[in-house]
C-alpha atoms as a PDB file:
ATOM      1  CA  MET A   1       7.383  18.492  42.826  1.00  0.00           C
ATOM      2  CA  SER A   2       4.865  18.462  39.930  1.00  0.00           C
ATOM      3  CA  PHE A   3       2.415  15.678  39.298  1.00  0.00           C
ATOM      4  CA  LEU A   4       3.511  12.923  36.928  1.00  0.00           C
ATOM      5  CA  ARG A   5       1.125  12.768  34.033  1.00  0.00           C
ATOM      6  CA  VAL A   6       0.329   9.511  32.341  1.00  0.00           C
ATOM      7  CA  ALA A   7      -0.780   9.143  28.760  1.00  0.00           C
ATOM      8  CA  ALA A   8      -1.624   5.982  26.913  1.00  0.00           C
ATOM      9  CA  LEU A   9      -2.538   5.848  23.267  1.00  0.00           C
ATOM     10  CA  GLY A  10      -3.249   2.974  20.899  1.00  0.00           C
ATOM     11  CA  VAL A  11      -3.526   2.381  17.164  1.00  0.00           C
ATOM     12  CA  GLY A  12      -5.268  -0.729  15.920  1.00  0.00           C
ATOM     13  CA  LEU A  13      -7.636  -1.055  12.917  1.00  0.00           C
ATOM     14  CA  VAL A  14     -10.188   0.575  10.624  1.00  0.00           C
ATOM     15  CA  ALA A  15     -12.101   3.195  12.636  1.00  0.00           C
ATOM     16  CA  ILE A  16     -10.945   6.271  14.523  1.00  0.00           C
ATOM     17  CA  LEU A  17     -12.238   6.256  18.046  1.00  0.00           C
ATOM     18  CA  ALA A  18     -11.640   8.338  21.144  1.00  0.00           C
ATOM     19  CA  ALA A  19     -12.053   6.713  24.525  1.00  0.00           C
ATOM     20  CA  CYS A  20     -12.898   9.173  27.252  1.00  0.00           C
ATOM     21  CA  GLY A  21     -13.719   7.963  30.736  1.00  0.00           C
ATOM     22  CA  PRO A  22     -15.512   4.659  31.130  1.00  0.00           C
ATOM     23  CA  LYS A  23     -17.272   4.671  27.756  1.00  0.00           C
ATOM     24  CA  PRO A  24     -16.210   1.475  25.916  1.00  0.00           C
ATOM     25  CA  GLU A  25     -14.697   1.728  22.474  1.00  0.00           C
ATOM     26  CA  SER A  26     -16.668   0.303  19.591  1.00  0.00           C
ATOM     27  CA  THR A  27     -15.279  -2.786  17.939  1.00  0.00           C
ATOM     28  CA  SER A  28     -18.039  -3.161  15.366  1.00  0.00           C
ATOM     29  CA  ASP A  29     -15.974  -2.128  12.311  1.00  0.00           C
ATOM     30  CA  TYR A  30     -13.326  -4.435  10.979  1.00  0.00           C
ATOM     31  CA  THR A  31     -11.391  -4.718   7.766  1.00  0.00           C
ATOM     32  CA  ILE A  32     -12.137  -7.940   5.877  1.00  0.00           C
ATOM     33  CA  ILE A  33      -8.884  -9.446   4.687  1.00  0.00           C
ATOM     34  CA  GLN A  34      -9.165 -11.969   1.889  1.00  0.00           C
ATOM     35  CA  SER A  35      -6.496 -14.485   0.997  1.00  0.00           C
ATOM     36  CA  THR A  36      -6.082 -17.186  -1.601  1.00  0.00           C
ATOM     37  CA  ILE A  37      -4.323 -20.457  -0.864  1.00  0.00           C
ATOM     38  CA  SER A  38      -3.316 -22.735  -3.713  1.00  0.00           C
ATOM     39  CA  ALA A  39      -3.517 -26.406  -2.867  1.00  0.00           C
ATOM     40  CA  THR A  40      -0.430 -28.504  -3.488  1.00  0.00           C
ATOM     41  CA  PRO A  41      -1.165 -31.813  -5.328  1.00  0.00           C
ATOM     42  CA  ALA A  42      -0.864 -34.776  -2.999  1.00  0.00           C
ATOM     43  CA  HIS A  43       1.805 -36.468  -5.129  1.00  0.00           C
ATOM     44  CA  VAL A  44       4.133 -33.460  -5.059  1.00  0.00           C
ATOM     45  CA  ALA A  45       6.515 -33.444  -2.106  1.00  0.00           C
ATOM     46  CA  LYS A  46       6.451 -30.179  -0.166  1.00  0.00           C
ATOM     47  CA  PRO A  47       9.848 -28.587   0.402  1.00  0.00           C
ATOM     48  CA  ALA A  48      11.097 -28.532   3.964  1.00  0.00           C
ATOM     49  CA  PRO A  49      10.459 -25.150   5.581  1.00  0.00           C
ATOM     50  CA  THR A  50      13.484 -22.923   5.970  1.00  0.00           C
ATOM     51  CA  PRO A  51      14.250 -22.209   9.638  1.00  0.00           C
ATOM     52  CA  PRO A  52      13.838 -18.501  10.389  1.00  0.00           C
ATOM     53  CA  GLN A  53      16.982 -16.454  10.881  1.00  0.00           C
ATOM     54  CA  TYR A  54      17.085 -14.166  13.915  1.00  0.00           C
ATOM     55  CA  LEU A  55      19.115 -10.996  14.310  1.00  0.00           C
ATOM     56  CA  PRO A  56      20.240 -10.432  17.926  1.00  0.00           C
ATOM     57  CA  MET A  57      19.032  -7.045  19.191  1.00  0.00           C
ATOM     58  CA  GLU A  58      19.994  -5.609  22.565  1.00  0.00           C
ATOM     59  CA  VAL A  59      17.012  -4.075  24.348  1.00  0.00           C
ATOM     60  CA  ASN A  60      16.251  -2.904  27.865  1.00  0.00           C
ATOM     61  CA  ALA A  61      15.424  -5.703  30.300  1.00  0.00           C
ATOM     62  CA  GLU A  62      11.932  -4.226  30.764  1.00  0.00           C
ATOM     63  CA  ILE A  63      11.256  -4.708  27.037  1.00  0.00           C
ATOM     64  CA  VAL A  64      12.182  -8.390  27.270  1.00  0.00           C
ATOM     65  CA  GLU A  65       9.724  -8.681  30.158  1.00  0.00           C
ATOM     66  CA  LEU A  66       7.012  -6.736  28.309  1.00  0.00           C
ATOM     67  CA  PHE A  67       7.336  -8.982  25.261  1.00  0.00           C
ATOM     68  CA  LYS A  68       6.945 -12.042  27.481  1.00  0.00           C
ATOM     69  CA  LEU A  69       3.893 -10.565  29.230  1.00  0.00           C
ATOM     70  CA  VAL A  70       2.163  -9.844  25.918  1.00  0.00           C
ATOM     71  CA  ASN A  71       2.924 -13.276  24.458  1.00  0.00           C
ATOM     72  CA  ASP A  72       1.784 -15.078  27.612  1.00  0.00           C
ATOM     73  CA  TYR A  73      -1.414 -13.019  27.490  1.00  0.00           C
ATOM     74  CA  ARG A  74      -2.014 -13.913  23.838  1.00  0.00           C
ATOM     75  CA  ILE A  75      -1.467 -17.611  24.536  1.00  0.00           C
ATOM     76  CA  GLN A  76      -3.932 -17.433  27.456  1.00  0.00           C
ATOM     77  CA  ASN A  77      -6.484 -16.092  24.994  1.00  0.00           C
ATOM     78  CA  GLY A  78      -5.897 -18.817  22.402  1.00  0.00           C
ATOM     79  CA  LEU A  79      -3.707 -16.711  20.108  1.00  0.00           C
ATOM     80  CA  SER A  80      -0.282 -17.362  18.673  1.00  0.00           C
ATOM     81  CA  PRO A  81       2.684 -15.566  20.256  1.00  0.00           C
ATOM     82  CA  LEU A  82       4.378 -12.725  18.436  1.00  0.00           C
ATOM     83  CA  GLU A  83       7.840 -12.745  16.913  1.00  0.00           C
ATOM     84  CA  ALA A  84      10.067  -9.705  17.320  1.00  0.00           C
ATOM     85  CA  SER A  85      10.545  -7.743  14.088  1.00  0.00           C
ATOM     86  CA  VAL A  86      13.782  -5.878  13.384  1.00  0.00           C
ATOM     87  CA  SER A  87      12.017  -3.148  11.401  1.00  0.00           C
ATOM     88  CA  LEU A  88       9.216  -2.642  13.908  1.00  0.00           C
ATOM     89  CA  THR A  89      11.684  -2.590  16.808  1.00  0.00           C
ATOM     90  CA  GLU A  90      13.753   0.094  15.083  1.00  0.00           C
ATOM     91  CA  ALA A  91      10.601   2.129  14.407  1.00  0.00           C
ATOM     92  CA  ALA A  92       9.476   1.750  18.031  1.00  0.00           C
ATOM     93  CA  GLU A  93      12.900   2.712  19.384  1.00  0.00           C
ATOM     94  CA  TRP A  94      12.998   5.852  17.245  1.00  0.00           C
ATOM     95  CA  MET A  95       9.520   6.855  18.397  1.00  0.00           C
ATOM     96  CA  ALA A  96      10.241   6.236  22.087  1.00  0.00           C
ATOM     97  CA  ASN A  97      13.430   8.298  21.922  1.00  0.00           C
ATOM     98  CA  ASN A  98      11.776  11.090  19.938  1.00  0.00           C
ATOM     99  CA  MET A  99       8.886  11.356  22.398  1.00  0.00           C
ATOM    100  CA  SER A 100      11.313  11.249  25.312  1.00  0.00           C
ATOM    101  CA  SER A 101      13.543  13.974  23.870  1.00  0.00           C
ATOM    102  CA  ASN A 102      10.628  16.219  22.917  1.00  0.00           C
ATOM    103  CA  ASN A 103       8.256  15.519  25.823  1.00  0.00           C
ATOM    104  CA  TYR A 104       5.134  14.342  23.987  1.00  0.00           C
ATOM    105  CA  VAL A 105       2.988  11.216  23.618  1.00  0.00           C
ATOM    106  CA  GLU A 106       1.169  11.295  20.275  1.00  0.00           C
ATOM    107  CA  HIS A 107       0.848   8.834  17.408  1.00  0.00           C
ATOM    108  CA  VAL A 108       1.692  11.464  14.778  1.00  0.00           C
ATOM    109  CA  ASP A 109       5.373  12.217  15.289  1.00  0.00           C
ATOM    110  CA  LEU A 110       7.039  15.607  14.966  1.00  0.00           C
ATOM    111  CA  GLU A 111       7.871  14.871  11.314  1.00  0.00           C
ATOM    112  CA  GLY A 112       4.158  14.540  10.592  1.00  0.00           C
ATOM    113  CA  ARG A 113       4.180  10.771  10.099  1.00  0.00           C
ATOM    114  CA  LYS A 114       1.392   8.439  11.166  1.00  0.00           C
ATOM    115  CA  PRO A 115       2.505   5.101  12.666  1.00  0.00           C
ATOM    116  CA  SER A 116       2.135   3.211   9.366  1.00  0.00           C
ATOM    117  CA  ASP A 117       4.217   5.869   7.561  1.00  0.00           C
ATOM    118  CA  ARG A 118       6.908   5.711  10.233  1.00  0.00           C
ATOM    119  CA  MET A 119       7.034   1.915  10.092  1.00  0.00           C
ATOM    120  CA  ARG A 120       7.464   2.058   6.304  1.00  0.00           C
ATOM    121  CA  ASP A 121      10.370   4.482   6.683  1.00  0.00           C
ATOM    122  CA  PHE A 122      12.092   1.884   8.872  1.00  0.00           C
ATOM    123  CA  GLY A 123      11.669  -0.872   6.298  1.00  0.00           C
ATOM    124  CA  TYR A 124       8.292  -2.358   7.209  1.00  0.00           C
ATOM    125  CA  ASN A 125       6.944  -1.471   3.762  1.00  0.00           C
ATOM    126  CA  TYR A 126       4.143  -3.968   3.233  1.00  0.00           C
ATOM    127  CA  ASN A 127       0.459  -3.663   2.333  1.00  0.00           C
ATOM    128  CA  THR A 128      -0.741  -5.044   5.628  1.00  0.00           C
ATOM    129  CA  THR A 129      -2.529  -4.061   8.800  1.00  0.00           C
ATOM    130  CA  THR A 130      -0.399  -2.382  11.459  1.00  0.00           C
ATOM    131  CA  GLY A 131      -1.071  -1.150  14.988  1.00  0.00           C
ATOM    132  CA  GLU A 132       0.560   0.939  17.664  1.00  0.00           C
ATOM    133  CA  ASN A 133       0.171   1.431  21.420  1.00  0.00           C
ATOM    134  CA  LEU A 134       1.821   4.326  23.223  1.00  0.00           C
ATOM    135  CA  ALA A 135       2.076   5.171  26.897  1.00  0.00           C
ATOM    136  CA  GLY A 136       3.921   7.596  29.126  1.00  0.00           C
ATOM    137  CA  GLY A 137       4.684   7.640  32.832  1.00  0.00           C
ATOM    138  CA  GLN A 138       4.637   3.944  33.774  1.00  0.00           C
ATOM    139  CA  THR A 139       7.863   2.890  35.460  1.00  0.00           C
ATOM    140  CA  ASP A 140       8.047  -0.805  34.529  1.00  0.00           C
ATOM    141  CA  ALA A 141       6.796  -3.415  32.070  1.00  0.00           C
ATOM    142  CA  LEU A 142       4.069  -4.875  34.287  1.00  0.00           C
ATOM    143  CA  THR A 143       2.560  -1.475  35.029  1.00  0.00           C
ATOM    144  CA  VAL A 144       2.355  -0.358  31.406  1.00  0.00           C
ATOM    145  CA  PHE A 145       1.075  -3.794  30.355  1.00  0.00           C
ATOM    146  CA  ASN A 146      -1.792  -3.536  32.847  1.00  0.00           C
ATOM    147  CA  VAL A 147      -2.625   0.002  31.683  1.00  0.00           C
ATOM    148  CA  TRP A 148      -2.959  -1.226  28.094  1.00  0.00           C
ATOM    149  CA  LYS A 149      -4.760  -4.398  29.162  1.00  0.00           C
ATOM    150  CA  ASN A 150      -7.403  -2.372  31.020  1.00  0.00           C
ATOM    151  CA  SER A 151      -8.010  -0.020  28.079  1.00  0.00           C
ATOM    152  CA  PRO A 152     -10.352  -1.665  25.523  1.00  0.00           C
ATOM    153  CA  GLY A 153      -8.684  -0.193  22.430  1.00  0.00           C
ATOM    154  CA  HIS A 154      -5.136  -0.966  23.513  1.00  0.00           C
ATOM    155  CA  ASN A 155      -6.137  -4.418  24.723  1.00  0.00           C
ATOM    156  CA  MET A 156      -7.716  -5.181  21.353  1.00  0.00           C
ATOM    157  CA  THR A 157      -4.462  -4.203  19.645  1.00  0.00           C
ATOM    158  CA  MET A 158      -2.395  -6.559  21.830  1.00  0.00           C
ATOM    159  CA  LEU A 159      -4.910  -9.371  21.202  1.00  0.00           C
ATOM    160  CA  HIS A 160      -5.482  -8.804  17.496  1.00  0.00           C
ATOM    161  CA  PRO A 161      -5.523 -12.324  16.027  1.00  0.00           C
ATOM    162  CA  ASP A 162      -3.839 -11.392  12.735  1.00  0.00           C
ATOM    163  CA  PHE A 163      -0.752  -9.783  14.205  1.00  0.00           C
ATOM    164  CA  LYS A 164       2.327 -11.990  13.915  1.00  0.00           C
ATOM    165  CA  VAL A 165       5.218  -9.618  14.608  1.00  0.00           C
ATOM    166  CA  ALA A 166       5.888  -6.660  16.857  1.00  0.00           C
ATOM    167  CA  GLY A 167       8.572  -4.288  18.041  1.00  0.00           C
ATOM    168  CA  PHE A 168       8.617  -2.761  21.535  1.00  0.00           C
ATOM    169  CA  ALA A 169      10.698   0.052  23.011  1.00  0.00           C
ATOM    170  CA  VAL A 170      11.034   2.313  26.050  1.00  0.00           C
ATOM    171  CA  ALA A 171      12.966   5.527  26.654  1.00  0.00           C
ATOM    172  CA  TYR A 172      13.578   7.497  29.821  1.00  0.00           C
ATOM    173  CA  ASN A 173      14.048  11.232  30.344  1.00  0.00           C
ATOM    174  CA  PRO A 174      14.027  12.420  33.973  1.00  0.00           C
ATOM    175  CA  ASN A 175      13.522  16.020  32.830  1.00  0.00           C
ATOM    176  CA  SER A 176      10.289  15.283  30.945  1.00  0.00           C
ATOM    177  CA  ASP A 177       6.684  15.372  32.150  1.00  0.00           C
ATOM    178  CA  TYR A 178       6.262  11.609  31.893  1.00  0.00           C
ATOM    179  CA  GLY A 179       9.718  10.204  32.582  1.00  0.00           C
ATOM    180  CA  TYR A 180       9.099   6.914  30.783  1.00  0.00           C
ATOM    181  CA  PHE A 181       7.898   6.592  27.190  1.00  0.00           C
ATOM    182  CA  TRP A 182       6.644   3.230  25.862  1.00  0.00           C
ATOM    183  CA  VAL A 183       5.909   2.068  22.308  1.00  0.00           C
ATOM    184  CA  GLN A 184       4.418  -1.119  20.876  1.00  0.00           C
ATOM    185  CA  ASP A 185       4.336  -1.489  17.070  1.00  0.00           C
ATOM    186  CA  PHE A 186       2.508  -4.450  15.494  1.00  0.00           C
ATOM    187  CA  GLY A 187       2.253  -5.984  12.017  1.00  0.00           C
ATOM    188  CA  VAL A 188       0.907  -8.975  10.133  1.00  0.00           C
ATOM    189  CA  TYR A 189       3.665  -9.642   7.588  1.00  0.00           C
ATOM    190  CA  GLN A 190       6.600 -11.527   9.079  1.00  0.00           C
ATOM    191  CA  ASP A 191       9.737  -9.767   7.868  1.00  0.00           C
ATOM    192  CA  ARG A 192      13.236  -9.771   9.379  1.00  0.00           C
ATOM    193  CA  LEU A 193      13.042 -11.410  12.789  1.00  0.00           C
ATOM    194  CA  ALA A 194      14.910 -10.371  15.911  1.00  0.00           C
ATOM    195  CA  ARG A 195      15.903 -12.151  19.075  1.00  0.00           C
ATOM    196  CA  TYR A 196      15.754  -9.747  21.993  1.00  0.00           C
ATOM    197  CA  ILE A 197      18.801  -9.831  24.251  1.00  0.00           C
ATOM    198  CA  SER A 198      18.495  -8.115  27.611  1.00  0.00           C
ATOM    199  CA  THR A 199      21.091  -5.451  28.303  1.00  0.00           C
ATOM    200  CA  ASN A 200      20.229  -5.755  32.016  1.00  0.00           C
ATOM    201  CA  SER A 201      20.325  -1.988  32.039  1.00  0.00           C
ATOM    202  CA  THR A 202      18.280  -0.047  34.521  1.00  0.00           C
ATOM    203  CA  PHE A 203      16.771   3.405  34.419  1.00  0.00           C
ATOM    204  CA  GLU A 204      17.595   6.305  36.641  1.00  0.00           C
ATOM    205  CA  PRO A 205      16.125   6.092  40.171  1.00  0.00           C
ATOM    206  CA  THR A 206      12.361   5.687  39.969  1.00  0.00           C
ATOM    207  CA  PRO A 207      10.507   8.931  40.738  1.00  0.00           C
ATOM    208  CA  THR A 208       8.380   9.068  43.869  1.00  0.00           C
ATOM    209  CA  PRO A 209       4.806   8.030  42.935  1.00  0.00           C
ATOM    210  CA  PHE A 210       2.330  10.881  42.597  1.00  0.00           C
ATOM    211  CA  PRO A 211      -1.417  11.067  42.011  1.00  0.00           C
ATOM    212  CA  ILE A 212      -1.951  10.118  38.368  1.00  0.00           C
ATOM    213  CA  GLU A 213      -4.062  11.869  35.755  1.00  0.00           C
ATOM    214  CA  VAL A 214      -4.926   9.334  33.068  1.00  0.00           C
ATOM    215  CA  ILE A 215      -5.621  10.417  29.495  1.00  0.00           C
ATOM    216  CA  ILE A 216      -6.498   7.695  26.992  1.00  0.00           C
ATOM    217  CA  ASN A 217      -7.105   8.254  23.282  1.00  0.00           C
ATOM    218  CA  GLY A 218      -7.667   5.179  21.125  1.00  0.00           C
ATOM    219  CA  ILE A 219      -7.210   5.229  17.361  1.00  0.00           C
ATOM    220  CA  LEU A 220      -8.118   2.207  15.285  1.00  0.00           C
ATOM    221  CA  GLN A 221      -7.097   2.213  11.647  1.00  0.00           C
ATOM    222  CA  LYS A 222      -6.003   0.055   8.724  1.00  0.00           C
END
C-alpha cells in the first residue's frame, strides 16, 4: 500500500512566503487597516441592536468539532470567537470537494481562482482581508487542527485578530493520495451567518497509518 502524503497550506495576509523545514515564516509585513467611527451625541438614544439571524447548515461532525477547537484556541489567546459564514462555508465546501475529486491540495483551484476570487464567486464580495488554510491527509479535526497550530503561517491565520467569520469544510475520497481534504476560509466582514448542525456522519473506515511526508507552503496575502 502506498504512503499517505500530507499537505497543509495556508493563506493569510500581505506577503507571499514559503515555509520549508524548520525555518520560521516572517510576520514583519502587515496591512494597515484604517477605520473611521462617528461618535453618537450623548443625548441621542442608540437603537437597540438587531439580533443576528442564523441559517442552519448541516456539516460533518468533524467540522463542528474543528470550529469549536479553533474558537476555544482563539479565546485562550484573548481573541473573540468566530461566527460561521454561509458564503465562506459554501466556498470551503466547494474547494474541499474539488480537491477531493481531482486529487490536489493547492490554493489556486482548477478554474484558476485564488482564494479571494473563489470566496467572491460564492457571495463573499467585500473589500476586506481574507485567509485560507488547506490540508490533506489528516483523519480527524484534532489532528488537522494540531498540524495548522504547529505551522507558524497557518497558526497566524487561525489567530488573526481581525477575522470575525469563517467557513470550514472537509471531503473524503478513499481513491485519492490524501484521503481527507480540509479547508478553512476566513474573513473580516460579517455577512450571512450560519449555525452549524452536525450530521453525525462518519467517513469511510480510516486508512491504516503510514509514515507521513509533510509539505507545508504558507502564503500570506491581502
